[in-house]
Amino acid sequence: MEAGADVGRRSDHSREELTELAVDAARAIMIEEGVAQVSARAIAKRIGYSPGTLYNLFDNIDAIVYQVNAATLRDLAMTAMTALERQPEPLERAIALGRTYVDFAETHPQLWLAVFDFRPSGGGTPAGFEQAVALLFATVDDCLAPFFSADQSDLRAAAGRVLWSGVHGISLLNVTGRLGQPEGSSAADMAELLIRNFLKGLAA
């Protein structure tokens, strides 16, 4: 790109529009090539600006990736909440949450993997990303609430992390092609089996 081309285009978009363009471009790169390929040069090439323009909008590329990952987690949480609305029974709600998690990872593998494969260069975690993580775990906690008494909040939180870890492991093996599930059994079916037995064990 010629130097003058970038200068000439600076007035084409507002700061807010450029920010949205950059985040959308990073998301597209993740989907097509994976989070490791997200760079200032790759994003700038997609939106028709120089890499220097991005650093007028963001502190670093990590900030862009965090925005995409936070949006992915919010989308996952919203998808899960929609699924839960259709399930009145506590056990079926927990199963629906697990199946939704597995299905989301399978449907959006690169975006989902980016949340966990991303290796920031340093610095703190943005509040927006932490809020997205909290929203997802709050959904898990809400699902498990009927299985615990009011004074078991710590145990409920621990159980939520354990159950999430199991379902997450199934999702990761599935997305990376290493699950090796029995014929006729999907990854979501395996997640359901895990959840049913885990909650049965709690009840016992």
N, C-alpha and C. Protein backbone atom coordinates (compact mmCIF):
# COMPACT_ATOMS: atom_id res chain seq x y z
N MET A 1 0.85 -1.19 0.00
CA MET A 1 0.00 0.00 0.00
C MET A 1 0.89 1.24 0.00
N GLU A 2 0.58 2.21 -0.80
CA GLU A 2 1.33 3.45 -0.83
C GLU A 2 1.00 4.28 0.39
N ALA A 3 1.96 5.07 0.86
CA ALA A 3 1.75 5.86 2.06
C ALA A 3 0.56 6.79 1.91
N GLY A 4 0.41 7.36 0.76
CA GLY A 4 -0.68 8.31 0.55
C GLY A 4 -2.04 7.67 0.58
N ALA A 5 -2.09 6.37 0.26
CA ALA A 5 -3.38 5.69 0.23
C ALA A 5 -4.00 5.66 1.61
N ASP A 6 -3.17 5.41 2.65
CA ASP A 6 -3.69 5.34 4.01
C ASP A 6 -4.18 6.71 4.46
N VAL A 7 -3.37 7.74 4.18
CA VAL A 7 -3.74 9.09 4.58
C VAL A 7 -5.04 9.50 3.92
N GLY A 8 -5.20 9.13 2.65
CA GLY A 8 -6.39 9.51 1.92
C GLY A 8 -7.64 8.85 2.44
N ARG A 9 -7.49 7.70 3.09
CA ARG A 9 -8.66 6.96 3.54
C ARG A 9 -9.01 7.23 4.99
N ARG A 10 -8.18 8.00 5.69
CA ARG A 10 -8.42 8.20 7.11
C ARG A 10 -9.78 8.84 7.37
N SER A 11 -10.26 9.66 6.48
CA SER A 11 -11.54 10.33 6.68
C SER A 11 -12.73 9.47 6.24
N ASP A 12 -12.45 8.28 5.70
CA ASP A 12 -13.53 7.42 5.22
C ASP A 12 -14.35 6.86 6.38
N HIS A 13 -13.72 6.65 7.52
CA HIS A 13 -14.39 6.03 8.65
C HIS A 13 -14.10 6.79 9.93
N SER A 14 -15.08 6.80 10.82
CA SER A 14 -14.86 7.38 12.14
C SER A 14 -14.01 6.44 12.97
N ARG A 15 -13.57 6.90 14.12
CA ARG A 15 -12.78 6.06 15.01
C ARG A 15 -13.58 4.82 15.41
N GLU A 16 -14.86 5.00 15.70
CA GLU A 16 -15.71 3.88 16.09
C GLU A 16 -15.86 2.88 14.95
N GLU A 17 -16.02 3.40 13.74
CA GLU A 17 -16.15 2.52 12.58
C GLU A 17 -14.87 1.74 12.32
N LEU A 18 -13.73 2.41 12.46
CA LEU A 18 -12.45 1.74 12.26
C LEU A 18 -12.23 0.65 13.31
N THR A 19 -12.63 0.95 14.53
CA THR A 19 -12.51 -0.05 15.59
C THR A 19 -13.33 -1.29 15.26
N GLU A 20 -14.55 -1.06 14.81
CA GLU A 20 -15.42 -2.19 14.45
C GLU A 20 -14.85 -2.96 13.26
N LEU A 21 -14.32 -2.26 12.28
CA LEU A 21 -13.72 -2.91 11.12
C LEU A 21 -12.55 -3.79 11.54
N ALA A 22 -11.72 -3.28 12.44
CA ALA A 22 -10.55 -4.03 12.88
C ALA A 22 -10.95 -5.29 13.64
N VAL A 23 -11.92 -5.16 14.52
CA VAL A 23 -12.37 -6.32 15.30
C VAL A 23 -13.02 -7.35 14.38
N ASP A 24 -13.83 -6.88 13.43
CA ASP A 24 -14.46 -7.80 12.48
C ASP A 24 -13.41 -8.51 11.63
N ALA A 25 -12.37 -7.79 11.24
CA ALA A 25 -11.30 -8.39 10.44
C ALA A 25 -10.55 -9.45 11.25
N ALA A 26 -10.28 -9.15 12.52
CA ALA A 26 -9.60 -10.12 13.38
C ALA A 26 -10.45 -11.38 13.53
N ARG A 27 -11.75 -11.19 13.69
CA ARG A 27 -12.66 -12.33 13.82
C ARG A 27 -12.63 -13.19 12.55
N ALA A 28 -12.64 -12.54 11.40
CA ALA A 28 -12.61 -13.27 10.13
C ALA A 28 -11.30 -14.06 9.99
N ILE A 29 -10.19 -13.46 10.40
CA ILE A 29 -8.90 -14.16 10.33
C ILE A 29 -8.92 -15.38 11.24
N MET A 30 -9.47 -15.22 12.43
CA MET A 30 -9.57 -16.36 13.36
C MET A 30 -10.34 -17.51 12.74
N ILE A 31 -11.48 -17.19 12.15
CA ILE A 31 -12.34 -18.22 11.57
C ILE A 31 -11.63 -18.94 10.44
N GLU A 32 -10.92 -18.19 9.61
CA GLU A 32 -10.30 -18.76 8.42
C GLU A 32 -8.95 -19.41 8.70
N GLU A 33 -8.18 -18.84 9.64
CA GLU A 33 -6.79 -19.27 9.79
C GLU A 33 -6.37 -19.59 11.23
N GLY A 34 -7.19 -19.21 12.21
CA GLY A 34 -6.83 -19.43 13.60
C GLY A 34 -6.27 -18.19 14.25
N VAL A 35 -6.33 -18.16 15.58
CA VAL A 35 -5.93 -16.96 16.31
C VAL A 35 -4.45 -16.65 16.15
N ALA A 36 -3.61 -17.64 15.90
CA ALA A 36 -2.18 -17.40 15.76
C ALA A 36 -1.85 -16.51 14.57
N GLN A 37 -2.75 -16.44 13.61
CA GLN A 37 -2.51 -15.65 12.40
C GLN A 37 -3.02 -14.21 12.50
N VAL A 38 -3.59 -13.85 13.63
CA VAL A 38 -4.07 -12.49 13.82
C VAL A 38 -2.88 -11.58 14.13
N SER A 39 -2.65 -10.63 13.27
CA SER A 39 -1.54 -9.69 13.46
C SER A 39 -1.96 -8.32 12.95
N ALA A 40 -1.19 -7.32 13.32
CA ALA A 40 -1.49 -5.96 12.86
C ALA A 40 -1.44 -5.89 11.34
N ARG A 41 -0.46 -6.54 10.75
CA ARG A 41 -0.32 -6.51 9.30
C ARG A 41 -1.50 -7.20 8.61
N ALA A 42 -1.91 -8.34 9.14
CA ALA A 42 -3.02 -9.09 8.53
C ALA A 42 -4.34 -8.32 8.64
N ILE A 43 -4.56 -7.70 9.80
CA ILE A 43 -5.79 -6.93 9.99
C ILE A 43 -5.78 -5.71 9.09
N ALA A 44 -4.66 -5.00 9.10
CA ALA A 44 -4.55 -3.77 8.30
C ALA A 44 -4.78 -4.05 6.82
N LYS A 45 -4.25 -5.16 6.35
CA LYS A 45 -4.42 -5.52 4.94
C LYS A 45 -5.89 -5.72 4.61
N ARG A 46 -6.63 -6.31 5.53
CA ARG A 46 -8.05 -6.57 5.28
C ARG A 46 -8.89 -5.31 5.25
N ILE A 47 -8.55 -4.34 6.09
CA ILE A 47 -9.39 -3.16 6.18
C ILE A 47 -8.88 -2.00 5.34
N GLY A 48 -7.71 -2.18 4.70
CA GLY A 48 -7.22 -1.16 3.78
C GLY A 48 -6.54 0.02 4.45
N TYR A 49 -6.01 -0.21 5.64
CA TYR A 49 -5.25 0.83 6.35
C TYR A 49 -3.87 0.30 6.70
N SER A 50 -3.00 1.18 7.15
CA SER A 50 -1.67 0.74 7.54
C SER A 50 -1.71 0.16 8.96
N PRO A 51 -0.75 -0.70 9.31
CA PRO A 51 -0.69 -1.21 10.68
C PRO A 51 -0.63 -0.11 11.73
N GLY A 52 0.02 1.00 11.38
CA GLY A 52 0.13 2.10 12.34
C GLY A 52 -1.22 2.65 12.75
N THR A 53 -2.20 2.58 11.85
CA THR A 53 -3.53 3.06 12.18
C THR A 53 -4.13 2.28 13.34
N LEU A 54 -3.86 0.98 13.38
CA LEU A 54 -4.41 0.14 14.45
C LEU A 54 -3.90 0.57 15.82
N TYR A 55 -2.64 1.00 15.85
CA TYR A 55 -2.06 1.38 17.14
C TYR A 55 -2.53 2.76 17.60
N ASN A 56 -3.25 3.46 16.75
CA ASN A 56 -3.94 4.67 17.18
C ASN A 56 -5.29 4.34 17.80
N LEU A 57 -5.74 3.12 17.59
CA LEU A 57 -7.05 2.68 18.09
C LEU A 57 -6.93 1.75 19.29
N PHE A 58 -5.89 0.92 19.31
CA PHE A 58 -5.72 -0.09 20.35
C PHE A 58 -4.32 0.00 20.94
N ASP A 59 -4.19 -0.38 22.20
CA ASP A 59 -2.87 -0.40 22.82
C ASP A 59 -1.96 -1.42 22.16
N ASN A 60 -2.55 -2.54 21.77
CA ASN A 60 -1.80 -3.61 21.11
C ASN A 60 -2.80 -4.57 20.46
N ILE A 61 -2.28 -5.58 19.77
CA ILE A 61 -3.16 -6.54 19.09
C ILE A 61 -3.92 -7.40 20.09
N ASP A 62 -3.33 -7.60 21.26
CA ASP A 62 -4.03 -8.37 22.29
C ASP A 62 -5.41 -7.78 22.58
N ALA A 63 -5.49 -6.45 22.58
CA ALA A 63 -6.76 -5.79 22.89
C ALA A 63 -7.84 -6.15 21.87
N ILE A 64 -7.43 -6.30 20.62
CA ILE A 64 -8.38 -6.69 19.57
C ILE A 64 -8.83 -8.13 19.78
N VAL A 65 -7.89 -9.01 20.04
CA VAL A 65 -8.22 -10.42 20.24
C VAL A 65 -9.12 -10.58 21.45
N TYR A 66 -8.85 -9.86 22.51
CA TYR A 66 -9.69 -9.94 23.70
C TYR A 66 -11.13 -9.53 23.37
N GLN A 67 -11.29 -8.52 22.53
CA GLN A 67 -12.65 -8.09 22.16
C GLN A 67 -13.38 -9.19 21.40
N VAL A 68 -12.69 -9.84 20.46
CA VAL A 68 -13.31 -10.93 19.71
C VAL A 68 -13.66 -12.08 20.66
N ASN A 69 -12.73 -12.44 21.53
CA ASN A 69 -12.96 -13.56 22.44
C ASN A 69 -14.09 -13.27 23.43
N ALA A 70 -14.16 -12.04 23.89
CA ALA A 70 -15.26 -11.67 24.79
C ALA A 70 -16.60 -11.79 24.07
N ALA A 71 -16.64 -11.36 22.82
CA ALA A 71 -17.88 -11.48 22.04
C ALA A 71 -18.26 -12.94 21.83
N THR A 72 -17.26 -13.80 21.62
CA THR A 72 -17.53 -15.23 21.46
C THR A 72 -18.14 -15.81 22.73
N LEU A 73 -17.59 -15.46 23.88
CA LEU A 73 -18.12 -15.96 25.15
C LEU A 73 -19.52 -15.43 25.41
N ARG A 74 -19.77 -14.19 25.06
CA ARG A 74 -21.13 -13.63 25.23
C ARG A 74 -22.11 -14.35 24.32
N ASP A 75 -21.70 -14.62 23.09
CA ASP A 75 -22.56 -15.36 22.16
C ASP A 75 -22.87 -16.75 22.71
N LEU A 76 -21.86 -17.40 23.27
CA LEU A 76 -22.05 -18.72 23.86
C LEU A 76 -23.02 -18.65 25.04
N ALA A 77 -22.83 -17.67 25.89
CA ALA A 77 -23.72 -17.52 27.06
C ALA A 77 -25.15 -17.24 26.62
N MET A 78 -25.33 -16.38 25.64
CA MET A 78 -26.67 -16.06 25.16
C MET A 78 -27.33 -17.28 24.51
N THR A 79 -26.55 -18.05 23.76
CA THR A 79 -27.06 -19.27 23.14
C THR A 79 -27.50 -20.26 24.22
N ALA A 80 -26.70 -20.37 25.27
CA ALA A 80 -27.02 -21.27 26.37
C ALA A 80 -28.29 -20.82 27.09
N MET A 81 -28.42 -19.54 27.34
CA MET A 81 -29.60 -19.02 28.03
C MET A 81 -30.87 -19.29 27.24
N THR A 82 -30.77 -19.15 25.93
CA THR A 82 -31.92 -19.44 25.08
C THR A 82 -32.32 -20.91 25.18
N ALA A 83 -31.32 -21.79 25.19
CA ALA A 83 -31.59 -23.22 25.32
C ALA A 83 -32.22 -23.54 26.67
N LEU A 84 -31.76 -22.87 27.71
CA LEU A 84 -32.27 -23.13 29.06
C LEU A 84 -33.72 -22.71 29.23
N GLU A 85 -34.10 -21.67 28.51
CA GLU A 85 -35.48 -21.19 28.61
C GLU A 85 -36.50 -22.24 28.21
N ARG A 86 -36.08 -23.19 27.40
CA ARG A 86 -37.00 -24.21 26.90
C ARG A 86 -37.04 -25.45 27.80
N GLN A 87 -36.26 -25.42 28.89
CA GLN A 87 -36.18 -26.60 29.76
C GLN A 87 -36.56 -26.24 31.19
N PRO A 88 -37.73 -26.67 31.66
CA PRO A 88 -38.16 -26.31 33.02
C PRO A 88 -37.54 -27.16 34.12
N GLU A 89 -37.16 -28.40 33.82
CA GLU A 89 -36.63 -29.30 34.83
C GLU A 89 -35.13 -29.08 35.05
N PRO A 90 -34.68 -29.06 36.32
CA PRO A 90 -33.26 -28.79 36.62
C PRO A 90 -32.28 -29.70 35.89
N LEU A 91 -32.54 -31.00 35.87
CA LEU A 91 -31.62 -31.92 35.20
C LEU A 91 -31.57 -31.64 33.70
N GLU A 92 -32.72 -31.43 33.10
CA GLU A 92 -32.76 -31.16 31.67
C GLU A 92 -32.11 -29.83 31.33
N ARG A 93 -32.18 -28.88 32.24
CA ARG A 93 -31.50 -27.59 32.03
C ARG A 93 -29.99 -27.79 32.02
N ALA A 94 -29.50 -28.58 32.96
CA ALA A 94 -28.06 -28.83 33.02
C ALA A 94 -27.58 -29.56 31.77
N ILE A 95 -28.37 -30.53 31.33
CA ILE A 95 -28.02 -31.28 30.11
C ILE A 95 -28.04 -30.35 28.89
N ALA A 96 -29.05 -29.50 28.82
CA ALA A 96 -29.16 -28.56 27.70
C ALA A 96 -27.95 -27.63 27.67
N LEU A 97 -27.49 -27.21 28.84
CA LEU A 97 -26.32 -26.33 28.90
C LEU A 97 -25.09 -27.05 28.37
N GLY A 98 -24.90 -28.30 28.80
CA GLY A 98 -23.74 -29.06 28.34
C GLY A 98 -23.78 -29.32 26.85
N ARG A 99 -24.93 -29.70 26.35
CA ARG A 99 -25.05 -29.97 24.92
C ARG A 99 -24.84 -28.70 24.10
N THR A 100 -25.34 -27.59 24.61
CA THR A 100 -25.16 -26.31 23.92
C THR A 100 -23.68 -25.94 23.84
N TYR A 101 -22.97 -26.17 24.92
CA TYR A 101 -21.53 -25.87 24.94
C TYR A 101 -20.79 -26.69 23.88
N VAL A 102 -21.06 -27.97 23.87
CA VAL A 102 -20.40 -28.86 22.90
C VAL A 102 -20.78 -28.47 21.47
N ASP A 103 -22.05 -28.21 21.24
CA ASP A 103 -22.51 -27.86 19.89
C ASP A 103 -21.92 -26.53 19.43
N PHE A 104 -21.83 -25.56 20.35
CA PHE A 104 -21.26 -24.26 19.99
C PHE A 104 -19.81 -24.41 19.57
N ALA A 105 -19.05 -25.19 20.35
CA ALA A 105 -17.64 -25.41 20.00
C ALA A 105 -17.50 -26.10 18.66
N GLU A 106 -18.39 -27.04 18.38
CA GLU A 106 -18.34 -27.78 17.12
C GLU A 106 -18.74 -26.91 15.94
N THR A 107 -19.67 -25.99 16.17
CA THR A 107 -20.16 -25.12 15.11
C THR A 107 -19.20 -23.97 14.83
N HIS A 108 -18.53 -23.49 15.86
CA HIS A 108 -17.60 -22.35 15.73
C HIS A 108 -16.22 -22.74 16.27
N PRO A 109 -15.59 -23.74 15.68
CA PRO A 109 -14.37 -24.28 16.28
C PRO A 109 -13.23 -23.29 16.44
N GLN A 110 -12.97 -22.50 15.41
CA GLN A 110 -11.83 -21.59 15.49
C GLN A 110 -12.06 -20.46 16.49
N LEU A 111 -13.28 -19.92 16.52
CA LEU A 111 -13.58 -18.87 17.49
C LEU A 111 -13.52 -19.42 18.91
N TRP A 112 -14.07 -20.62 19.09
CA TRP A 112 -14.07 -21.23 20.42
C TRP A 112 -12.64 -21.54 20.86
N LEU A 113 -11.83 -22.12 19.98
CA LEU A 113 -10.45 -22.43 20.31
C LEU A 113 -9.64 -21.18 20.61
N ALA A 114 -9.97 -20.08 19.93
CA ALA A 114 -9.23 -18.84 20.13
C ALA A 114 -9.30 -18.35 21.57
N VAL A 115 -10.41 -18.61 22.23
CA VAL A 115 -10.56 -18.19 23.62
C VAL A 115 -9.51 -18.85 24.50
N PHE A 116 -9.16 -20.09 24.18
CA PHE A 116 -8.26 -20.88 25.03
C PHE A 116 -6.84 -20.97 24.47
N ASP A 117 -6.69 -20.80 23.16
CA ASP A 117 -5.37 -20.88 22.54
C ASP A 117 -4.63 -19.55 22.58
N PHE A 118 -5.35 -18.47 22.80
CA PHE A 118 -4.75 -17.14 22.78
C PHE A 118 -3.72 -17.00 23.89
N ARG A 119 -2.52 -16.52 23.51
CA ARG A 119 -1.45 -16.29 24.46
C ARG A 119 -1.10 -14.80 24.43
N PRO A 120 -1.66 -14.03 25.36
CA PRO A 120 -1.39 -12.58 25.35
C PRO A 120 0.08 -12.28 25.64
N SER A 121 0.52 -11.15 25.17
CA SER A 121 1.93 -10.77 25.33
C SER A 121 2.24 -10.25 26.72
N GLY A 122 1.21 -9.94 27.48
CA GLY A 122 1.43 -9.44 28.83
C GLY A 122 0.38 -8.41 29.19
N GLY A 123 0.43 -7.94 30.42
CA GLY A 123 -0.55 -6.94 30.85
C GLY A 123 -1.76 -7.59 31.47
N GLY A 124 -2.67 -6.78 31.96
CA GLY A 124 -3.87 -7.28 32.61
C GLY A 124 -4.93 -7.73 31.62
N THR A 125 -5.90 -8.44 32.17
CA THR A 125 -7.04 -8.89 31.36
C THR A 125 -8.10 -7.81 31.34
N PRO A 126 -8.58 -7.41 30.17
CA PRO A 126 -9.60 -6.35 30.10
C PRO A 126 -10.87 -6.73 30.85
N ALA A 127 -11.51 -5.72 31.42
CA ALA A 127 -12.72 -5.95 32.20
C ALA A 127 -13.82 -6.59 31.35
N GLY A 128 -13.90 -6.20 30.09
CA GLY A 128 -14.95 -6.75 29.22
C GLY A 128 -14.83 -8.24 29.05
N PHE A 129 -13.60 -8.73 28.96
CA PHE A 129 -13.40 -10.17 28.83
C PHE A 129 -13.73 -10.88 30.13
N GLU A 130 -13.29 -10.33 31.25
CA GLU A 130 -13.59 -10.93 32.55
C GLU A 130 -15.09 -10.98 32.80
N GLN A 131 -15.80 -9.97 32.37
CA GLN A 131 -17.25 -9.95 32.53
C GLN A 131 -17.91 -11.04 31.69
N ALA A 132 -17.38 -11.28 30.49
CA ALA A 132 -17.93 -12.33 29.63
C ALA A 132 -17.70 -13.70 30.25
N VAL A 133 -16.53 -13.91 30.84
CA VAL A 133 -16.23 -15.17 31.53
C VAL A 133 -17.19 -15.34 32.71
N ALA A 134 -17.37 -14.27 33.48
CA ALA A 134 -18.25 -14.32 34.64
C ALA A 134 -19.68 -14.64 34.24
N LEU A 135 -20.13 -14.09 33.11
CA LEU A 135 -21.48 -14.35 32.63
C LEU A 135 -21.67 -15.83 32.32
N LEU A 136 -20.68 -16.44 31.70
CA LEU A 136 -20.79 -17.85 31.34
C LEU A 136 -20.83 -18.72 32.60
N PHE A 137 -19.95 -18.44 33.55
CA PHE A 137 -19.92 -19.24 34.77
C PHE A 137 -21.15 -18.99 35.63
N ALA A 138 -21.71 -17.79 35.56
CA ALA A 138 -22.95 -17.52 36.29
C ALA A 138 -24.09 -18.38 35.73
N THR A 139 -24.06 -18.62 34.43
CA THR A 139 -25.07 -19.49 33.81
C THR A 139 -24.93 -20.92 34.31
N VAL A 140 -23.68 -21.39 34.42
CA VAL A 140 -23.43 -22.72 34.96
C VAL A 140 -23.89 -22.80 36.41
N ASP A 141 -23.53 -21.78 37.20
CA ASP A 141 -23.89 -21.75 38.61
C ASP A 141 -25.41 -21.76 38.80
N ASP A 142 -26.10 -21.01 37.97
CA ASP A 142 -27.56 -20.95 38.05
C ASP A 142 -28.17 -22.32 37.74
N CYS A 143 -27.59 -23.04 36.79
CA CYS A 143 -28.09 -24.37 36.43
C CYS A 143 -27.94 -25.36 37.58
N LEU A 144 -26.86 -25.21 38.34
CA LEU A 144 -26.58 -26.16 39.41
C LEU A 144 -27.25 -25.79 40.73
N ALA A 145 -27.77 -24.59 40.83
CA ALA A 145 -28.36 -24.13 42.08
C ALA A 145 -29.41 -25.08 42.65
N PRO A 146 -30.31 -25.67 41.85
CA PRO A 146 -31.32 -26.57 42.43
C PRO A 146 -30.75 -27.82 43.08
N PHE A 147 -29.50 -28.15 42.81
CA PHE A 147 -28.91 -29.37 43.35
C PHE A 147 -28.15 -29.14 44.67
N PHE A 148 -28.16 -27.89 45.15
CA PHE A 148 -27.43 -27.56 46.36
C PHE A 148 -28.30 -26.71 47.28
N SER A 149 -28.02 -26.79 48.56
CA SER A 149 -28.72 -25.94 49.51
C SER A 149 -28.10 -24.54 49.50
N ALA A 150 -28.77 -23.60 50.14
CA ALA A 150 -28.34 -22.20 50.11
C ALA A 150 -26.97 -22.00 50.76
N ASP A 151 -26.61 -22.86 51.71
CA ASP A 151 -25.34 -22.69 52.41
C ASP A 151 -24.19 -23.47 51.75
N GLN A 152 -24.42 -23.97 50.55
CA GLN A 152 -23.39 -24.75 49.85
C GLN A 152 -22.85 -24.02 48.61
N SER A 153 -22.78 -22.71 48.70
CA SER A 153 -22.36 -21.92 47.53
C SER A 153 -20.94 -22.27 47.08
N ASP A 154 -20.03 -22.49 48.03
CA ASP A 154 -18.65 -22.83 47.67
C ASP A 154 -18.60 -24.20 46.98
N LEU A 155 -19.34 -25.14 47.53
CA LEU A 155 -19.38 -26.48 46.93
C LEU A 155 -20.02 -26.42 45.55
N ARG A 156 -21.06 -25.62 45.41
CA ARG A 156 -21.72 -25.47 44.11
C ARG A 156 -20.76 -24.87 43.08
N ALA A 157 -20.00 -23.86 43.50
CA ALA A 157 -19.04 -23.23 42.58
C ALA A 157 -17.97 -24.23 42.16
N ALA A 158 -17.49 -25.03 43.13
CA ALA A 158 -16.47 -26.03 42.81
C ALA A 158 -17.03 -27.09 41.86
N ALA A 159 -18.26 -27.53 42.14
CA ALA A 159 -18.89 -28.53 41.27
C ALA A 159 -19.08 -27.98 39.86
N GLY A 160 -19.40 -26.70 39.76
CA GLY A 160 -19.57 -26.08 38.45
C GLY A 160 -18.29 -26.09 37.65
N ARG A 161 -17.15 -25.82 38.32
CA ARG A 161 -15.86 -25.83 37.62
C ARG A 161 -15.49 -27.26 37.20
N VAL A 162 -15.78 -28.23 38.08
CA VAL A 162 -15.47 -29.62 37.75
C VAL A 162 -16.29 -30.09 36.55
N LEU A 163 -17.59 -29.80 36.60
CA LEU A 163 -18.47 -30.23 35.51
C LEU A 163 -18.11 -29.53 34.21
N TRP A 164 -17.83 -28.24 34.29
CA TRP A 164 -17.43 -27.50 33.09
C TRP A 164 -16.14 -28.09 32.52
N SER A 165 -15.19 -28.42 33.39
CA SER A 165 -13.92 -28.97 32.92
C SER A 165 -14.14 -30.26 32.14
N GLY A 166 -15.05 -31.10 32.62
CA GLY A 166 -15.33 -32.35 31.93
C GLY A 166 -15.97 -32.12 30.57
N VAL A 167 -16.96 -31.26 30.53
CA VAL A 167 -17.63 -30.97 29.26
C VAL A 167 -16.67 -30.25 28.31
N HIS A 168 -15.84 -29.38 28.86
CA HIS A 168 -14.86 -28.68 28.04
C HIS A 168 -13.87 -29.67 27.42
N GLY A 169 -13.45 -30.64 28.22
CA GLY A 169 -12.51 -31.65 27.70
C GLY A 169 -13.11 -32.44 26.55
N ILE A 170 -14.37 -32.81 26.69
CA ILE A 170 -15.06 -33.51 25.60
C ILE A 170 -15.09 -32.62 24.35
N SER A 171 -15.41 -31.35 24.55
CA SER A 171 -15.48 -30.41 23.43
C SER A 171 -14.13 -30.26 22.74
N LEU A 172 -13.08 -30.14 23.54
CA LEU A 172 -11.74 -29.95 22.98
C LEU A 172 -11.30 -31.16 22.18
N LEU A 173 -11.50 -32.34 22.73
CA LEU A 173 -11.14 -33.56 22.00
C LEU A 173 -11.97 -33.70 20.73
N ASN A 174 -13.23 -33.30 20.80
CA ASN A 174 -14.11 -33.38 19.64
C ASN A 174 -13.67 -32.43 18.54
N VAL A 175 -13.41 -31.19 18.90
CA VAL A 175 -13.04 -30.17 17.92
C VAL A 175 -11.69 -30.49 17.27
N THR A 176 -10.79 -31.08 18.04
CA THR A 176 -9.47 -31.40 17.50
C THR A 176 -9.40 -32.80 16.90
N GLY A 177 -10.55 -33.47 16.82
CA GLY A 177 -10.61 -34.77 16.16
C GLY A 177 -9.98 -35.91 16.92
N ARG A 178 -9.93 -35.81 18.26
CA ARG A 178 -9.28 -36.84 19.06
C ARG A 178 -10.21 -37.47 20.10
N LEU A 179 -11.50 -37.28 19.94
CA LEU A 179 -12.43 -37.79 20.94
C LEU A 179 -12.60 -39.30 20.86
N GLY A 180 -12.75 -39.82 19.63
CA GLY A 180 -12.89 -41.25 19.46
C GLY A 180 -14.13 -41.82 20.12
N GLN A 181 -15.26 -41.12 19.97
CA GLN A 181 -16.49 -41.58 20.60
C GLN A 181 -17.01 -42.86 19.94
N PRO A 182 -17.76 -43.67 20.69
CA PRO A 182 -18.33 -44.90 20.12
C PRO A 182 -19.24 -44.58 18.94
N GLU A 183 -19.35 -45.53 18.04
CA GLU A 183 -20.20 -45.34 16.86
C GLU A 183 -21.63 -45.08 17.30
N GLY A 184 -22.24 -44.06 16.69
CA GLY A 184 -23.61 -43.71 17.01
C GLY A 184 -23.76 -42.78 18.19
N SER A 185 -22.64 -42.40 18.80
CA SER A 185 -22.67 -41.49 19.95
C SER A 185 -21.94 -40.20 19.60
N SER A 186 -22.62 -39.09 19.73
CA SER A 186 -22.02 -37.80 19.41
C SER A 186 -21.30 -37.24 20.63
N ALA A 187 -20.52 -36.20 20.43
CA ALA A 187 -19.85 -35.54 21.55
C ALA A 187 -20.87 -35.00 22.53
N ALA A 188 -21.98 -34.47 22.01
CA ALA A 188 -23.03 -33.94 22.89
C ALA A 188 -23.66 -35.07 23.70
N ASP A 189 -23.80 -36.25 23.10
CA ASP A 189 -24.32 -37.40 23.84
C ASP A 189 -23.39 -37.77 24.99
N MET A 190 -22.10 -37.71 24.74
CA MET A 190 -21.13 -38.03 25.78
C MET A 190 -21.17 -37.00 26.90
N ALA A 191 -21.35 -35.74 26.54
CA ALA A 191 -21.48 -34.69 27.55
C ALA A 191 -22.72 -34.93 28.40
N GLU A 192 -23.80 -35.33 27.76
CA GLU A 192 -25.03 -35.62 28.51
C GLU A 192 -24.82 -36.77 29.48
N LEU A 193 -24.13 -37.81 29.05
CA LEU A 193 -23.86 -38.95 29.92
C LEU A 193 -23.04 -38.50 31.14
N LEU A 194 -22.05 -37.67 30.90
CA LEU A 194 -21.24 -37.15 31.99
C LEU A 194 -22.08 -36.36 32.98
N ILE A 195 -22.91 -35.47 32.47
CA ILE A 195 -23.72 -34.61 33.33
C ILE A 195 -24.73 -35.43 34.13
N ARG A 196 -25.39 -36.36 33.47
CA ARG A 196 -26.38 -37.20 34.17
C ARG A 196 -25.72 -37.94 35.34
N ASN A 197 -24.59 -38.55 35.11
CA ASN A 197 -23.94 -39.33 36.14
C ASN A 197 -23.33 -38.44 37.22
N PHE A 198 -22.82 -37.31 36.83
CA PHE A 198 -22.26 -36.37 37.81
C PHE A 198 -23.34 -35.90 38.77
N LEU A 199 -24.49 -35.49 38.24
CA LEU A 199 -25.56 -34.99 39.08
C LEU A 199 -26.23 -36.11 39.86
N LYS A 200 -26.26 -37.29 39.29
CA LYS A 200 -26.79 -38.45 40.03
C LYS A 200 -25.90 -38.72 41.24
N GLY A 201 -24.59 -38.58 41.04
CA GLY A 201 -23.66 -38.78 42.14
C GLY A 201 -23.85 -37.73 43.23
N LEU A 202 -24.13 -36.50 42.85
CA LEU A 202 -24.39 -35.46 43.83
C LEU A 202 -25.63 -35.78 44.66
N ALA A 203 -26.66 -36.25 43.97
CA ALA A 203 -27.91 -36.58 44.65
C ALA A 203 -27.73 -37.73 45.63
N ALA A 204 -26.83 -38.66 45.27
CA ALA A 204 -26.60 -39.82 46.14
C ALA A 204 -25.81 -39.42 47.38
